[in-house]
Structure formats: structure tokens, C-alpha cells
Amino acid sequence: MKQLEVQIMGQSYLLGCPPGGEQRLLEAVEKVDTAMCRIRDAGKVKARDRIAVLAALNLAFDAERNASQQLHAASFANGDQTLNGGTHLADDVRLAQLMVRIDQALGDDGRLL
């Protein structure tokens, strides 16, 4: 296992990385750093741990949305005209409800999106 030293929001971290995975890890670090700095720079959230949680949730939400869009596009290309292949509408609603509950729980710390 190779170790890489990276910077996230100005703080150094030593991360383990499998051989050949360096580029993917550095891309992930860049996404996390960008997301965290964007939240910090918005000025609503100061605590590093809350910034990290919000960034993680935003990145997970974006990944889920992208995966859902790709699945929908693949279903549509295969001739399935129903929303999200007819199986993911409930998941989309649950995710939206979860986002509202998280926003309410965080209160004045800032919104996820």
C-alpha cells in the first residue's frame, strides 16, 4: 500500500492508496477539498467537522443523482419510457425527504444545496 500526503482545506493528511490508484485518489481529494472550501467560503458554517459532513452529503447526493440520471438514460435508450425505469421514483422521494430533514436538523448551520 502506497501512502500519499494530501492537503484538504489547508490541513495535511497521509492517506493509504493501492498501487495504480494514485490518480483516482488525488481526483477524489480535489473534489472533497473543493466542496469543503466552497462551504467554508460561504461563511455560514465554521466548524471543520460540520463542513466535512455537509461536503460528504453534497458529494453523495451528486453521485446518487448522476447514477440515477445514467440509469434513466440507459432505460430510455433501451425503450423503457417510464420514469427512472419505473423503479426509482420512491427512492427519489425518500432522498428529497431526507435532505429536508437534514436541513431542518442543521438549522442555521447552512443548507446542503
N, C-alpha and C. Protein backbone atom coordinates (compact mmCIF):
# COMPACT_ATOMS: atom_id res chain seq x y z
N MET A 1 0.86 -1.17 0.00
CA MET A 1 0.00 0.00 0.00
C MET A 1 0.91 1.24 0.00
N LYS A 2 0.67 2.09 -0.96
CA LYS A 2 1.43 3.33 -1.07
C LYS A 2 0.75 4.39 -0.22
N GLN A 3 1.50 5.33 0.32
CA GLN A 3 0.93 6.43 1.08
C GLN A 3 1.18 7.75 0.36
N LEU A 4 0.13 8.56 0.32
CA LEU A 4 0.22 9.88 -0.29
C LEU A 4 -0.12 10.94 0.74
N GLU A 5 0.66 12.01 0.75
CA GLU A 5 0.33 13.15 1.61
C GLU A 5 -0.47 14.13 0.76
N VAL A 6 -1.64 14.51 1.26
CA VAL A 6 -2.52 15.42 0.53
C VAL A 6 -2.93 16.56 1.45
N GLN A 7 -3.48 17.61 0.86
CA GLN A 7 -3.96 18.76 1.60
C GLN A 7 -5.47 18.90 1.36
N ILE A 8 -6.22 19.01 2.44
CA ILE A 8 -7.65 19.30 2.35
C ILE A 8 -7.93 20.47 3.29
N MET A 9 -8.43 21.54 2.73
CA MET A 9 -8.68 22.78 3.47
C MET A 9 -7.44 23.21 4.27
N GLY A 10 -6.28 23.08 3.64
CA GLY A 10 -5.05 23.54 4.26
C GLY A 10 -4.46 22.60 5.29
N GLN A 11 -5.06 21.47 5.53
CA GLN A 11 -4.56 20.52 6.52
C GLN A 11 -4.01 19.28 5.80
N SER A 12 -2.86 18.81 6.26
CA SER A 12 -2.22 17.65 5.65
C SER A 12 -2.81 16.36 6.18
N TYR A 13 -2.96 15.40 5.27
CA TYR A 13 -3.42 14.05 5.61
C TYR A 13 -2.54 13.06 4.88
N LEU A 14 -2.17 11.98 5.56
CA LEU A 14 -1.42 10.89 4.95
C LEU A 14 -2.42 9.77 4.69
N LEU A 15 -2.64 9.46 3.41
CA LEU A 15 -3.66 8.51 3.02
C LEU A 15 -3.05 7.29 2.35
N GLY A 16 -3.58 6.12 2.68
CA GLY A 16 -3.16 4.90 2.02
C GLY A 16 -3.82 4.79 0.66
N CYS A 17 -3.09 4.23 -0.29
CA CYS A 17 -3.58 4.14 -1.65
C CYS A 17 -3.07 2.84 -2.29
N PRO A 18 -3.95 2.06 -2.92
CA PRO A 18 -3.49 0.85 -3.60
C PRO A 18 -2.63 1.22 -4.81
N PRO A 19 -1.71 0.36 -5.19
CA PRO A 19 -0.87 0.64 -6.37
C PRO A 19 -1.74 0.92 -7.59
N GLY A 20 -1.39 1.97 -8.32
CA GLY A 20 -2.13 2.35 -9.51
C GLY A 20 -3.36 3.21 -9.24
N GLY A 21 -3.69 3.47 -7.98
CA GLY A 21 -4.87 4.25 -7.64
C GLY A 21 -4.59 5.69 -7.30
N GLU A 22 -3.35 6.11 -7.50
CA GLU A 22 -2.96 7.46 -7.09
C GLU A 22 -3.78 8.55 -7.76
N GLN A 23 -3.98 8.44 -9.06
CA GLN A 23 -4.71 9.49 -9.78
C GLN A 23 -6.16 9.57 -9.31
N ARG A 24 -6.81 8.44 -9.12
CA ARG A 24 -8.19 8.45 -8.64
C ARG A 24 -8.28 9.04 -7.24
N LEU A 25 -7.32 8.71 -6.37
CA LEU A 25 -7.32 9.27 -5.02
C LEU A 25 -7.12 10.78 -5.07
N LEU A 26 -6.20 11.25 -5.89
CA LEU A 26 -5.95 12.69 -5.99
C LEU A 26 -7.17 13.43 -6.55
N GLU A 27 -7.89 12.80 -7.48
CA GLU A 27 -9.11 13.41 -8.00
C GLU A 27 -10.18 13.48 -6.91
N ALA A 28 -10.28 12.44 -6.10
CA ALA A 28 -11.25 12.44 -5.00
C ALA A 28 -10.89 13.51 -3.97
N VAL A 29 -9.62 13.63 -3.66
CA VAL A 29 -9.16 14.64 -2.71
C VAL A 29 -9.50 16.03 -3.24
N GLU A 30 -9.30 16.25 -4.52
CA GLU A 30 -9.61 17.56 -5.13
C GLU A 30 -11.11 17.87 -5.01
N LYS A 31 -11.96 16.87 -5.25
CA LYS A 31 -13.40 17.07 -5.12
C LYS A 31 -13.78 17.42 -3.69
N VAL A 32 -13.21 16.68 -2.73
CA VAL A 32 -13.53 16.93 -1.32
C VAL A 32 -13.03 18.30 -0.90
N ASP A 33 -11.80 18.64 -1.28
CA ASP A 33 -11.24 19.94 -0.92
C ASP A 33 -12.07 21.07 -1.50
N THR A 34 -12.45 20.95 -2.76
CA THR A 34 -13.27 21.98 -3.41
C THR A 34 -14.61 22.13 -2.71
N ALA A 35 -15.26 20.99 -2.42
CA ALA A 35 -16.57 21.03 -1.76
C ALA A 35 -16.47 21.66 -0.38
N MET A 36 -15.45 21.28 0.38
CA MET A 36 -15.30 21.82 1.74
C MET A 36 -14.97 23.31 1.71
N CYS A 37 -14.08 23.71 0.81
CA CYS A 37 -13.72 25.13 0.73
C CYS A 37 -14.91 25.98 0.29
N ARG A 38 -15.73 25.45 -0.60
CA ARG A 38 -16.92 26.18 -1.05
C ARG A 38 -17.86 26.44 0.14
N ILE A 39 -18.06 25.43 0.97
CA ILE A 39 -18.93 25.58 2.14
C ILE A 39 -18.32 26.55 3.13
N ARG A 40 -17.03 26.40 3.40
CA ARG A 40 -16.34 27.30 4.32
C ARG A 40 -16.40 28.74 3.83
N ASP A 41 -16.17 28.94 2.54
CA ASP A 41 -16.14 30.29 1.98
C ASP A 41 -17.51 30.94 1.94
N ALA A 42 -18.57 30.13 1.97
CA ALA A 42 -19.93 30.70 2.03
C ALA A 42 -20.15 31.39 3.36
N GLY A 43 -19.37 31.03 4.38
CA GLY A 43 -19.37 31.75 5.64
C GLY A 43 -20.43 31.35 6.64
N LYS A 44 -21.31 30.41 6.31
CA LYS A 44 -22.37 30.06 7.24
C LYS A 44 -21.94 29.00 8.25
N VAL A 45 -20.97 28.17 7.89
CA VAL A 45 -20.53 27.07 8.74
C VAL A 45 -19.06 27.26 9.04
N LYS A 46 -18.69 27.19 10.31
CA LYS A 46 -17.30 27.40 10.70
C LYS A 46 -16.61 26.12 11.15
N ALA A 47 -17.33 25.23 11.79
CA ALA A 47 -16.72 24.02 12.35
C ALA A 47 -16.31 23.06 11.24
N ARG A 48 -15.04 22.63 11.28
CA ARG A 48 -14.49 21.76 10.25
C ARG A 48 -15.27 20.45 10.13
N ASP A 49 -15.72 19.88 11.27
CA ASP A 49 -16.45 18.62 11.20
C ASP A 49 -17.80 18.80 10.51
N ARG A 50 -18.48 19.90 10.76
CA ARG A 50 -19.76 20.15 10.09
C ARG A 50 -19.55 20.42 8.60
N ILE A 51 -18.48 21.13 8.27
CA ILE A 51 -18.15 21.36 6.87
C ILE A 51 -17.92 20.03 6.17
N ALA A 52 -17.18 19.13 6.83
CA ALA A 52 -16.90 17.82 6.24
C ALA A 52 -18.18 17.01 6.03
N VAL A 53 -19.09 17.05 7.00
CA VAL A 53 -20.35 16.31 6.86
C VAL A 53 -21.17 16.88 5.72
N LEU A 54 -21.29 18.19 5.64
CA LEU A 54 -22.06 18.81 4.56
C LEU A 54 -21.44 18.50 3.20
N ALA A 55 -20.12 18.57 3.11
CA ALA A 55 -19.45 18.26 1.85
C ALA A 55 -19.68 16.80 1.46
N ALA A 56 -19.58 15.89 2.43
CA ALA A 56 -19.81 14.47 2.14
C ALA A 56 -21.23 14.23 1.67
N LEU A 57 -22.20 14.87 2.31
CA LEU A 57 -23.58 14.70 1.89
C LEU A 57 -23.83 15.28 0.50
N ASN A 58 -23.26 16.44 0.23
CA ASN A 58 -23.40 17.03 -1.10
C ASN A 58 -22.80 16.12 -2.17
N LEU A 59 -21.60 15.59 -1.91
CA LEU A 59 -20.95 14.72 -2.88
C LEU A 59 -21.74 13.43 -3.07
N ALA A 60 -22.26 12.87 -1.98
CA ALA A 60 -23.06 11.64 -2.09
C ALA A 60 -24.34 11.91 -2.86
N PHE A 61 -24.98 13.05 -2.59
CA PHE A 61 -26.20 13.41 -3.30
C PHE A 61 -25.92 13.57 -4.79
N ASP A 62 -24.83 14.26 -5.13
CA ASP A 62 -24.47 14.43 -6.54
C ASP A 62 -24.18 13.10 -7.22
N ALA A 63 -23.48 12.21 -6.52
CA ALA A 63 -23.17 10.89 -7.08
C ALA A 63 -24.44 10.08 -7.31
N GLU A 64 -25.36 10.13 -6.35
CA GLU A 64 -26.64 9.42 -6.48
C GLU A 64 -27.45 9.98 -7.64
N ARG A 65 -27.49 11.30 -7.74
CA ARG A 65 -28.24 11.94 -8.83
C ARG A 65 -27.63 11.57 -10.18
N ASN A 66 -26.31 11.58 -10.29
CA ASN A 66 -25.66 11.21 -11.54
C ASN A 66 -25.93 9.76 -11.90
N ALA A 67 -25.87 8.87 -10.90
CA ALA A 67 -26.14 7.46 -11.15
C ALA A 67 -27.59 7.27 -11.60
N SER A 68 -28.50 7.98 -10.95
CA SER A 68 -29.92 7.89 -11.31
C SER A 68 -30.15 8.39 -12.73
N GLN A 69 -29.48 9.48 -13.10
CA GLN A 69 -29.64 10.03 -14.45
C GLN A 69 -29.08 9.06 -15.49
N GLN A 70 -27.95 8.43 -15.18
CA GLN A 70 -27.37 7.46 -16.10
C GLN A 70 -28.28 6.25 -16.26
N LEU A 71 -28.85 5.79 -15.15
CA LEU A 71 -29.77 4.66 -15.21
C LEU A 71 -31.00 5.02 -16.03
N HIS A 72 -31.51 6.23 -15.81
CA HIS A 72 -32.68 6.68 -16.57
C HIS A 72 -32.35 6.75 -18.05
N ALA A 73 -31.19 7.29 -18.39
CA ALA A 73 -30.78 7.40 -19.79
C ALA A 73 -30.64 6.02 -20.41
N ALA A 74 -30.07 5.07 -19.67
CA ALA A 74 -29.91 3.72 -20.19
C ALA A 74 -31.27 3.05 -20.37
N SER A 75 -32.18 3.26 -19.43
CA SER A 75 -33.52 2.69 -19.55
C SER A 75 -34.24 3.27 -20.75
N PHE A 76 -34.11 4.57 -20.94
CA PHE A 76 -34.75 5.24 -22.06
C PHE A 76 -34.18 4.73 -23.38
N ALA A 77 -32.86 4.55 -23.44
CA ALA A 77 -32.21 4.06 -24.65
C ALA A 77 -32.66 2.64 -24.98
N ASN A 78 -33.03 1.87 -23.96
CA ASN A 78 -33.49 0.50 -24.17
C ASN A 78 -34.99 0.43 -24.42
N GLY A 79 -35.65 1.59 -24.58
CA GLY A 79 -37.05 1.61 -24.91
C GLY A 79 -37.98 1.71 -23.72
N ASP A 80 -37.45 1.80 -22.52
CA ASP A 80 -38.28 1.92 -21.31
C ASP A 80 -38.57 3.39 -21.10
N GLN A 81 -39.81 3.80 -21.29
CA GLN A 81 -40.20 5.21 -21.23
C GLN A 81 -40.67 5.65 -19.85
N THR A 82 -40.71 4.75 -18.86
CA THR A 82 -41.20 5.13 -17.54
C THR A 82 -40.12 5.88 -16.78
N LEU A 83 -40.52 6.69 -15.81
CA LEU A 83 -39.60 7.48 -15.02
C LEU A 83 -38.64 6.58 -14.27
N ASN A 84 -37.35 6.81 -14.49
CA ASN A 84 -36.30 6.04 -13.82
C ASN A 84 -36.53 4.54 -13.94
N GLY A 85 -36.99 4.09 -15.08
CA GLY A 85 -37.22 2.68 -15.28
C GLY A 85 -38.41 2.16 -14.48
N GLY A 86 -39.19 3.08 -13.88
CA GLY A 86 -40.35 2.69 -13.12
C GLY A 86 -40.06 2.18 -11.73
N THR A 87 -38.80 2.21 -11.31
CA THR A 87 -38.46 1.60 -10.03
C THR A 87 -37.84 2.55 -9.03
N HIS A 88 -37.46 3.74 -9.45
CA HIS A 88 -36.67 4.60 -8.57
C HIS A 88 -37.38 5.86 -8.11
N LEU A 89 -38.61 6.06 -8.48
CA LEU A 89 -39.34 7.26 -8.06
C LEU A 89 -39.45 7.31 -6.54
N ALA A 90 -39.74 6.20 -5.89
CA ALA A 90 -39.85 6.17 -4.43
C ALA A 90 -38.51 6.52 -3.80
N ASP A 91 -37.41 6.05 -4.38
CA ASP A 91 -36.09 6.38 -3.85
C ASP A 91 -35.83 7.88 -3.97
N ASP A 92 -36.21 8.48 -5.09
CA ASP A 92 -36.03 9.92 -5.28
C ASP A 92 -36.81 10.71 -4.25
N VAL A 93 -38.03 10.29 -3.97
CA VAL A 93 -38.86 10.98 -2.98
C VAL A 93 -38.25 10.83 -1.60
N ARG A 94 -37.82 9.61 -1.25
CA ARG A 94 -37.19 9.40 0.07
C ARG A 94 -35.93 10.24 0.23
N LEU A 95 -35.13 10.34 -0.82
CA LEU A 95 -33.92 11.15 -0.76
C LEU A 95 -34.26 12.62 -0.56
N ALA A 96 -35.26 13.12 -1.25
CA ALA A 96 -35.68 14.52 -1.08
C ALA A 96 -36.18 14.76 0.34
N GLN A 97 -36.94 13.80 0.89
CA GLN A 97 -37.43 13.93 2.27
C GLN A 97 -36.26 13.92 3.26
N LEU A 98 -35.28 13.08 3.01
CA LEU A 98 -34.10 13.01 3.88
C LEU A 98 -33.33 14.33 3.84
N MET A 99 -33.20 14.93 2.67
CA MET A 99 -32.49 16.20 2.54
C MET A 99 -33.20 17.28 3.35
N VAL A 100 -34.53 17.30 3.32
CA VAL A 100 -35.30 18.28 4.09
C VAL A 100 -35.07 18.06 5.58
N ARG A 101 -35.11 16.80 6.03
CA ARG A 101 -34.90 16.50 7.45
C ARG A 101 -33.50 16.89 7.91
N ILE A 102 -32.49 16.67 7.06
CA ILE A 102 -31.12 17.05 7.41
C ILE A 102 -31.01 18.56 7.51
N ASP A 103 -31.59 19.27 6.54
CA ASP A 103 -31.58 20.73 6.58
C ASP A 103 -32.23 21.25 7.86
N GLN A 104 -33.35 20.65 8.26
CA GLN A 104 -34.04 21.07 9.49
C GLN A 104 -33.18 20.79 10.70
N ALA A 105 -32.50 19.66 10.73
CA ALA A 105 -31.66 19.30 11.87
C ALA A 105 -30.46 20.23 12.00
N LEU A 106 -29.91 20.66 10.87
CA LEU A 106 -28.75 21.54 10.90
C LEU A 106 -29.12 22.98 11.23
N GLY A 107 -30.36 23.33 11.03
CA GLY A 107 -30.84 24.66 11.38
C GLY A 107 -30.05 25.75 10.67
N ASP A 108 -29.47 26.66 11.44
CA ASP A 108 -28.77 27.81 10.90
C ASP A 108 -27.36 27.51 10.41
N ASP A 109 -26.93 26.25 10.50
CA ASP A 109 -25.58 25.91 10.04
C ASP A 109 -25.44 25.95 8.54
N GLY A 110 -26.53 26.02 7.83
CA GLY A 110 -26.46 26.10 6.38
C GLY A 110 -27.25 25.01 5.70
N ARG A 111 -27.56 25.25 4.47
CA ARG A 111 -28.31 24.30 3.67
C ARG A 111 -27.35 23.39 2.92
N LEU A 112 -27.81 22.20 2.57
CA LEU A 112 -26.96 21.26 1.84
C LEU A 112 -26.71 21.72 0.42
N LEU A 113 -27.74 22.24 -0.21
CA LEU A 113 -27.58 22.61 -1.62
C LEU A 113 -27.90 24.06 -1.82
